[in-house]
Amino acid sequence: MSSDVTDEEKNALTPESGFNLVGIDPFESHGKKLYLIEHYDRYQDALNAKKSRENPDEYMILYRGMS
């Protein structure tokens, strides 16, 4: 699946600081698989949000800010 996600998508969803909780839609077309769920300033908040999502089949990843 990771080969279906473009570098442009990853770069667009990588925050300047903090953490973005990002969903992955495996059924979307190439170049449109990632979508922003929410931005968090702290890693622990992002991790807790990821763990508390209702749908256990949902694919998610955390992108860390560049600074």
PDB file of N, CA and C in Angstrom:
ATOM      1  N   MET A   1       0.817  -1.196   0.000  1.00  0.00           N
ATOM      2  CA  MET A   1       0.000   0.000   0.000  1.00  0.00           C
ATOM      3  C   MET A   1       0.854   1.250   0.000  1.00  0.00           C
ATOM      4  N   SER A   2       1.962   1.252   0.719  1.00  0.00           N
ATOM      5  CA  SER A   2       2.759   2.471   0.816  1.00  0.00           C
ATOM      6  C   SER A   2       3.273   2.935  -0.540  1.00  0.00           C
ATOM      7  N   SER A   3       3.434   2.010  -1.483  1.00  0.00           N
ATOM      8  CA  SER A   3       3.889   2.414  -2.808  1.00  0.00           C
ATOM      9  C   SER A   3       2.802   3.160  -3.580  1.00  0.00           C
ATOM     10  N   ASP A   4       1.559   3.051  -3.138  1.00  0.00           N
ATOM     11  CA  ASP A   4       0.453   3.754  -3.776  1.00  0.00           C
ATOM     12  C   ASP A   4       0.322   5.197  -3.300  1.00  0.00           C
ATOM     13  N   VAL A   5       1.004   5.533  -2.215  1.00  0.00           N
ATOM     14  CA  VAL A   5       0.951   6.882  -1.651  1.00  0.00           C
ATOM     15  C   VAL A   5       2.104   7.678  -2.247  1.00  0.00           C
ATOM     16  N   THR A   6       1.794   8.833  -2.798  1.00  0.00           N
ATOM     17  CA  THR A   6       2.824   9.639  -3.449  1.00  0.00           C
ATOM     18  C   THR A   6       3.593  10.497  -2.434  1.00  0.00           C
ATOM     19  N   ASP A   7       4.794  10.881  -2.823  1.00  0.00           N
ATOM     20  CA  ASP A   7       5.589  11.774  -1.983  1.00  0.00           C
ATOM     21  C   ASP A   7       4.899  13.121  -1.815  1.00  0.00           C
ATOM     22  N   GLU A   8       4.184  13.559  -2.842  1.00  0.00           N
ATOM     23  CA  GLU A   8       3.457  14.836  -2.754  1.00  0.00           C
ATOM     24  C   GLU A   8       2.392  14.776  -1.670  1.00  0.00           C
ATOM     25  N   GLU A   9       1.686  13.639  -1.580  1.00  0.00           N
ATOM     26  CA  GLU A   9       0.673  13.485  -0.526  1.00  0.00           C
ATOM     27  C   GLU A   9       1.328  13.540   0.850  1.00  0.00           C
ATOM     28  N   LYS A  10       2.424  12.803   1.013  1.00  0.00           N
ATOM     29  CA  LYS A  10       3.120  12.776   2.292  1.00  0.00           C
ATOM     30  C   LYS A  10       3.598  14.167   2.682  1.00  0.00           C
ATOM     31  N   ASN A  11       4.199  14.878   1.735  1.00  0.00           N
ATOM     32  CA  ASN A  11       4.708  16.224   2.016  1.00  0.00           C
ATOM     33  C   ASN A  11       3.586  17.189   2.363  1.00  0.00           C
ATOM     34  N   ALA A  12       2.462  17.075   1.677  1.00  0.00           N
ATOM     35  CA  ALA A  12       1.338  17.973   1.937  1.00  0.00           C
ATOM     36  C   ALA A  12       0.748  17.768   3.328  1.00  0.00           C
ATOM     37  N   LEU A  13       0.877  16.565   3.868  1.00  0.00           N
ATOM     38  CA  LEU A  13       0.289  16.268   5.173  1.00  0.00           C
ATOM     39  C   LEU A  13       1.312  16.223   6.304  1.00  0.00           C
ATOM     40  N   THR A  14       2.549  16.571   6.007  1.00  0.00           N
ATOM     41  CA  THR A  14       3.571  16.665   7.042  1.00  0.00           C
ATOM     42  C   THR A  14       3.547  18.094   7.589  1.00  0.00           C
ATOM     43  N   PRO A  15       3.234  18.249   8.882  1.00  0.00           N
ATOM     44  CA  PRO A  15       3.111  19.599   9.433  1.00  0.00           C
ATOM     45  C   PRO A  15       4.463  20.251   9.668  1.00  0.00           C
ATOM     46  N   GLU A  16       4.452  21.553   9.808  1.00  0.00           N
ATOM     47  CA  GLU A  16       5.674  22.292  10.163  1.00  0.00           C
ATOM     48  C   GLU A  16       6.113  21.913  11.575  1.00  0.00           C
ATOM     49  N   SER A  17       5.154  21.754  12.466  1.00  0.00           N
ATOM     50  CA  SER A  17       5.431  21.344  13.844  1.00  0.00           C
ATOM     51  C   SER A  17       4.250  20.518  14.334  1.00  0.00           C
ATOM     52  N   GLY A  18       4.448  19.803  15.416  1.00  0.00           N
ATOM     53  CA  GLY A  18       3.395  18.968  15.966  1.00  0.00           C
ATOM     54  C   GLY A  18       3.233  17.684  15.168  1.00  0.00           C
ATOM     55  N   PHE A  19       2.024  17.149  15.197  1.00  0.00           N
ATOM     56  CA  PHE A  19       1.746  15.852  14.593  1.00  0.00           C
ATOM     57  C   PHE A  19       0.400  15.872  13.885  1.00  0.00           C
ATOM     58  N   ASN A  20       0.358  15.304  12.697  1.00  0.00           N
ATOM     59  CA  ASN A  20      -0.903  15.138  11.978  1.00  0.00           C
ATOM     60  C   ASN A  20      -1.314  13.674  12.031  1.00  0.00           C
ATOM     61  N   LEU A  21      -2.548  13.443  12.446  1.00  0.00           N
ATOM     62  CA  LEU A  21      -3.131  12.113  12.374  1.00  0.00           C
ATOM     63  C   LEU A  21      -3.759  12.012  10.996  1.00  0.00           C
ATOM     64  N   VAL A  22      -3.266  11.064  10.204  1.00  0.00           N
ATOM     65  CA  VAL A  22      -3.637  10.963   8.800  1.00  0.00           C
ATOM     66  C   VAL A  22      -4.276   9.610   8.537  1.00  0.00           C
ATOM     67  N   GLY A  23      -5.386   9.624   7.824  1.00  0.00           N
ATOM     68  CA  GLY A  23      -6.043   8.394   7.417  1.00  0.00           C
ATOM     69  C   GLY A  23      -5.594   7.976   6.035  1.00  0.00           C
ATOM     70  N   ILE A  24      -5.670   6.669   5.785  1.00  0.00           N
ATOM     71  CA  ILE A  24      -5.314   6.117   4.486  1.00  0.00           C
ATOM     72  C   ILE A  24      -6.534   5.407   3.919  1.00  0.00           C
ATOM     73  N   ASP A  25      -6.985   5.853   2.770  1.00  0.00           N
ATOM     74  CA  ASP A  25      -8.128   5.234   2.100  1.00  0.00           C
ATOM     75  C   ASP A  25      -7.602   4.344   0.979  1.00  0.00           C
ATOM     76  N   PRO A  26      -7.577   3.020   1.190  1.00  0.00           N
ATOM     77  CA  PRO A  26      -7.003   2.129   0.183  1.00  0.00           C
ATOM     78  C   PRO A  26      -7.835   2.025  -1.097  1.00  0.00           C
ATOM     79  N   PHE A  27      -9.062   2.518  -1.060  1.00  0.00           N
ATOM     80  CA  PHE A  27      -9.937   2.425  -2.225  1.00  0.00           C
ATOM     81  C   PHE A  27      -9.920   3.674  -3.096  1.00  0.00           C
ATOM     82  N   GLU A  28      -9.263   4.723  -2.624  1.00  0.00           N
ATOM     83  CA  GLU A  28      -9.176   5.974  -3.381  1.00  0.00           C
ATOM     84  C   GLU A  28      -8.137   5.816  -4.487  1.00  0.00           C
ATOM     85  N   SER A  29      -8.215   6.684  -5.473  1.00  0.00           N
ATOM     86  CA  SER A  29      -7.296   6.611  -6.611  1.00  0.00           C
ATOM     87  C   SER A  29      -5.878   7.054  -6.218  1.00  0.00           C
ATOM     88  N   HIS A  30      -4.925   6.679  -7.036  1.00  0.00           N
ATOM     89  CA  HIS A  30      -3.508   7.006  -6.824  1.00  0.00           C
ATOM     90  C   HIS A  30      -3.345   8.519  -6.673  1.00  0.00           C
ATOM     91  N   GLY A  31      -2.641   8.923  -5.635  1.00  0.00           N
ATOM     92  CA  GLY A  31      -2.416  10.343  -5.395  1.00  0.00           C
ATOM     93  C   GLY A  31      -3.463  10.998  -4.517  1.00  0.00           C
ATOM     94  N   LYS A  32      -4.490  10.230  -4.119  1.00  0.00           N
ATOM     95  CA  LYS A  32      -5.563  10.783  -3.281  1.00  0.00           C
ATOM     96  C   LYS A  32      -5.891   9.872  -2.109  1.00  0.00           C
ATOM     97  N   LYS A  33      -4.948   9.064  -1.694  1.00  0.00           N
ATOM     98  CA  LYS A  33      -5.207   8.068  -0.662  1.00  0.00           C
ATOM     99  C   LYS A  33      -5.148   8.620   0.765  1.00  0.00           C
ATOM    100  N   LEU A  34      -4.408   9.687   0.988  1.00  0.00           N
ATOM    101  CA  LEU A  34      -4.251  10.232   2.333  1.00  0.00           C
ATOM    102  C   LEU A  34      -5.236  11.364   2.590  1.00  0.00           C
ATOM    103  N   TYR A  35      -5.699  11.449   3.841  1.00  0.00           N
ATOM    104  CA  TYR A  35      -6.559  12.561   4.245  1.00  0.00           C
ATOM    105  C   TYR A  35      -6.276  12.911   5.703  1.00  0.00           C
ATOM    106  N   LEU A  36      -6.347  14.191   6.019  1.00  0.00           N
ATOM    107  CA  LEU A  36      -6.075  14.677   7.367  1.00  0.00           C
ATOM    108  C   LEU A  36      -7.263  14.386   8.271  1.00  0.00           C
ATOM    109  N   ILE A  37      -6.977  13.788   9.422  1.00  0.00           N
ATOM    110  CA  ILE A  37      -8.014  13.581  10.432  1.00  0.00           C
ATOM    111  C   ILE A  37      -7.981  14.749  11.413  1.00  0.00           C
ATOM    112  N   GLU A  38      -6.782  15.015  11.988  1.00  0.00           N
ATOM    113  CA  GLU A  38      -6.654  16.136  12.920  1.00  0.00           C
ATOM    114  C   GLU A  38      -5.185  16.419  13.207  1.00  0.00           C
ATOM    115  N   HIS A  39      -4.896  17.658  13.575  1.00  0.00           N
ATOM    116  CA  HIS A  39      -3.542  18.083  13.946  1.00  0.00           C
ATOM    117  C   HIS A  39      -3.453  18.159  15.466  1.00  0.00           C
ATOM    118  N   TYR A  40      -2.307  17.754  16.001  1.00  0.00           N
ATOM    119  CA  TYR A  40      -2.054  17.807  17.448  1.00  0.00           C
ATOM    120  C   TYR A  40      -0.689  18.425  17.692  1.00  0.00           C
ATOM    121  N   ASP A  41      -0.580  19.172  18.788  1.00  0.00           N
ATOM    122  CA  ASP A  41       0.697  19.772  19.152  1.00  0.00           C
ATOM    123  C   ASP A  41       1.599  18.776  19.872  1.00  0.00           C
ATOM    124  N   ARG A  42       0.978  17.855  20.611  1.00  0.00           N
ATOM    125  CA  ARG A  42       1.757  16.901  21.397  1.00  0.00           C
ATOM    126  C   ARG A  42       1.581  15.476  20.869  1.00  0.00           C
ATOM    127  N   TYR A  43       2.677  14.723  20.902  1.00  0.00           N
ATOM    128  CA  TYR A  43       2.658  13.336  20.427  1.00  0.00           C
ATOM    129  C   TYR A  43       1.665  12.493  21.213  1.00  0.00           C
ATOM    130  N   GLN A  44       1.653  12.644  22.531  1.00  0.00           N
ATOM    131  CA  GLN A  44       0.767  11.829  23.361  1.00  0.00           C
ATOM    132  C   GLN A  44      -0.691  12.063  23.011  1.00  0.00           C
ATOM    133  N   ASP A  45      -1.071  13.300  22.722  1.00  0.00           N
ATOM    134  CA  ASP A  45      -2.447  13.590  22.323  1.00  0.00           C
ATOM    135  C   ASP A  45      -2.788  12.913  20.995  1.00  0.00           C
ATOM    136  N   ALA A  46      -1.865  12.954  20.058  1.00  0.00           N
ATOM    137  CA  ALA A  46      -2.076  12.321  18.754  1.00  0.00           C
ATOM    138  C   ALA A  46      -2.186  10.806  18.901  1.00  0.00           C
ATOM    139  N   LEU A  47      -1.332  10.236  19.713  1.00  0.00           N
ATOM    140  CA  LEU A  47      -1.356   8.797  19.931  1.00  0.00           C
ATOM    141  C   LEU A  47      -2.653   8.362  20.605  1.00  0.00           C
ATOM    142  N   ASN A  48      -3.092   9.109  21.606  1.00  0.00           N
ATOM    143  CA  ASN A  48      -4.357   8.795  22.279  1.00  0.00           C
ATOM    144  C   ASN A  48      -5.534   8.891  21.310  1.00  0.00           C
ATOM    145  N   ALA A  49      -5.519   9.893  20.451  1.00  0.00           N
ATOM    146  CA  ALA A  49      -6.590  10.047  19.468  1.00  0.00           C
ATOM    147  C   ALA A  49      -6.601   8.876  18.495  1.00  0.00           C
ATOM    148  N   LYS A  50      -5.421   8.445  18.085  1.00  0.00           N
ATOM    149  CA  LYS A  50      -5.317   7.305  17.179  1.00  0.00           C
ATOM    150  C   LYS A  50      -5.890   6.048  17.823  1.00  0.00           C
ATOM    151  N   LYS A  51      -5.559   5.831  19.082  1.00  0.00           N
ATOM    152  CA  LYS A  51      -6.036   4.645  19.801  1.00  0.00           C
ATOM    153  C   LYS A  51      -7.532   4.681  20.060  1.00  0.00           C
ATOM    154  N   SER A  52      -8.104   5.857  20.174  1.00  0.00           N
ATOM    155  CA  SER A  52      -9.516   5.971  20.529  1.00  0.00           C
ATOM    156  C   SER A  52     -10.462   6.024  19.332  1.00  0.00           C
ATOM    157  N   ARG A  53      -9.934   5.915  18.132  1.00  0.00           N
ATOM    158  CA  ARG A  53     -10.792   5.931  16.938  1.00  0.00           C
ATOM    159  C   ARG A  53     -11.747   4.749  16.986  1.00  0.00           C
ATOM    160  N   GLU A  54     -12.982   4.968  16.552  1.00  0.00           N
ATOM    161  CA  GLU A  54     -14.036   3.970  16.642  1.00  0.00           C
ATOM    162  C   GLU A  54     -13.855   2.779  15.714  1.00  0.00           C
ATOM    163  N   ASN A  55     -13.369   3.012  14.511  1.00  0.00           N
ATOM    164  CA  ASN A  55     -13.291   1.961  13.502  1.00  0.00           C
ATOM    165  C   ASN A  55     -11.926   1.261  13.581  1.00  0.00           C
ATOM    166  N   PRO A  56     -11.883   0.021  14.087  1.00  0.00           N
ATOM    167  CA  PRO A  56     -10.595  -0.664  14.212  1.00  0.00           C
ATOM    168  C   PRO A  56      -9.972  -1.035  12.863  1.00  0.00           C
ATOM    169  N   ASP A  57     -10.764  -1.011  11.790  1.00  0.00           N
ATOM    170  CA  ASP A  57     -10.250  -1.338  10.458  1.00  0.00           C
ATOM    171  C   ASP A  57      -9.706  -0.123   9.710  1.00  0.00           C
ATOM    172  N   GLU A  58      -9.799   1.043  10.329  1.00  0.00           N
ATOM    173  CA  GLU A  58      -9.328   2.269   9.689  1.00  0.00           C
ATOM    174  C   GLU A  58      -7.796   2.300   9.697  1.00  0.00           C
ATOM    175  N   TYR A  59      -7.203   2.579   8.547  1.00  0.00           N
ATOM    176  CA  TYR A  59      -5.749   2.694   8.435  1.00  0.00           C
ATOM    177  C   TYR A  59      -5.345   4.121   8.771  1.00  0.00           C
ATOM    178  N   MET A  60      -4.385   4.253   9.703  1.00  0.00           N
ATOM    179  CA  MET A  60      -3.935   5.585  10.110  1.00  0.00           C
ATOM    180  C   MET A  60      -2.431   5.600  10.302  1.00  0.00           C
ATOM    181  N   ILE A  61      -1.891   6.804  10.199  1.00  0.00           N
ATOM    182  CA  ILE A  61      -0.463   7.017  10.430  1.00  0.00           C
ATOM    183  C   ILE A  61      -0.293   8.398  11.053  1.00  0.00           C
ATOM    184  N   LEU A  62       0.768   8.558  11.825  1.00  0.00           N
ATOM    185  CA  LEU A  62       1.097   9.868  12.396  1.00  0.00           C
ATOM    186  C   LEU A  62       2.274  10.446  11.620  1.00  0.00           C
ATOM    187  N   TYR A  63       2.115  11.683  11.152  1.00  0.00           N
ATOM    188  CA  TYR A  63       3.219  12.380  10.511  1.00  0.00           C
ATOM    189  C   TYR A  63       3.750  13.421  11.494  1.00  0.00           C
ATOM    190  N   ARG A  64       5.037  13.358  11.753  1.00  0.00           N
ATOM    191  CA  ARG A  64       5.682  14.275  12.679  1.00  0.00           C
ATOM    192  C   ARG A  64       6.134  15.525  11.951  1.00  0.00           C
ATOM    193  N   GLY A  65       6.003  16.660  12.635  1.00  0.00           N
ATOM    194  CA  GLY A  65       6.439  17.935  12.074  1.00  0.00           C
ATOM    195  C   GLY A  65       7.925  17.970  11.803  1.00  0.00           C
ATOM    196  N   MET A  66       8.303  18.846  10.908  1.00  0.00           N
ATOM    197  CA  MET A  66       9.702  18.933  10.492  1.00  0.00           C
ATOM    198  C   MET A  66      10.574  19.667  11.491  1.00  0.00           C
ATOM    199  N   SER A  67       9.960  20.436  12.380  1.00  0.00           N
ATOM    200  CA  SER A  67      10.783  21.180  13.357  1.00  0.00           C
ATOM    201  C   SER A  67      10.652  20.614  14.737  1.00  0.00           C
TER     202      SER A  67
END
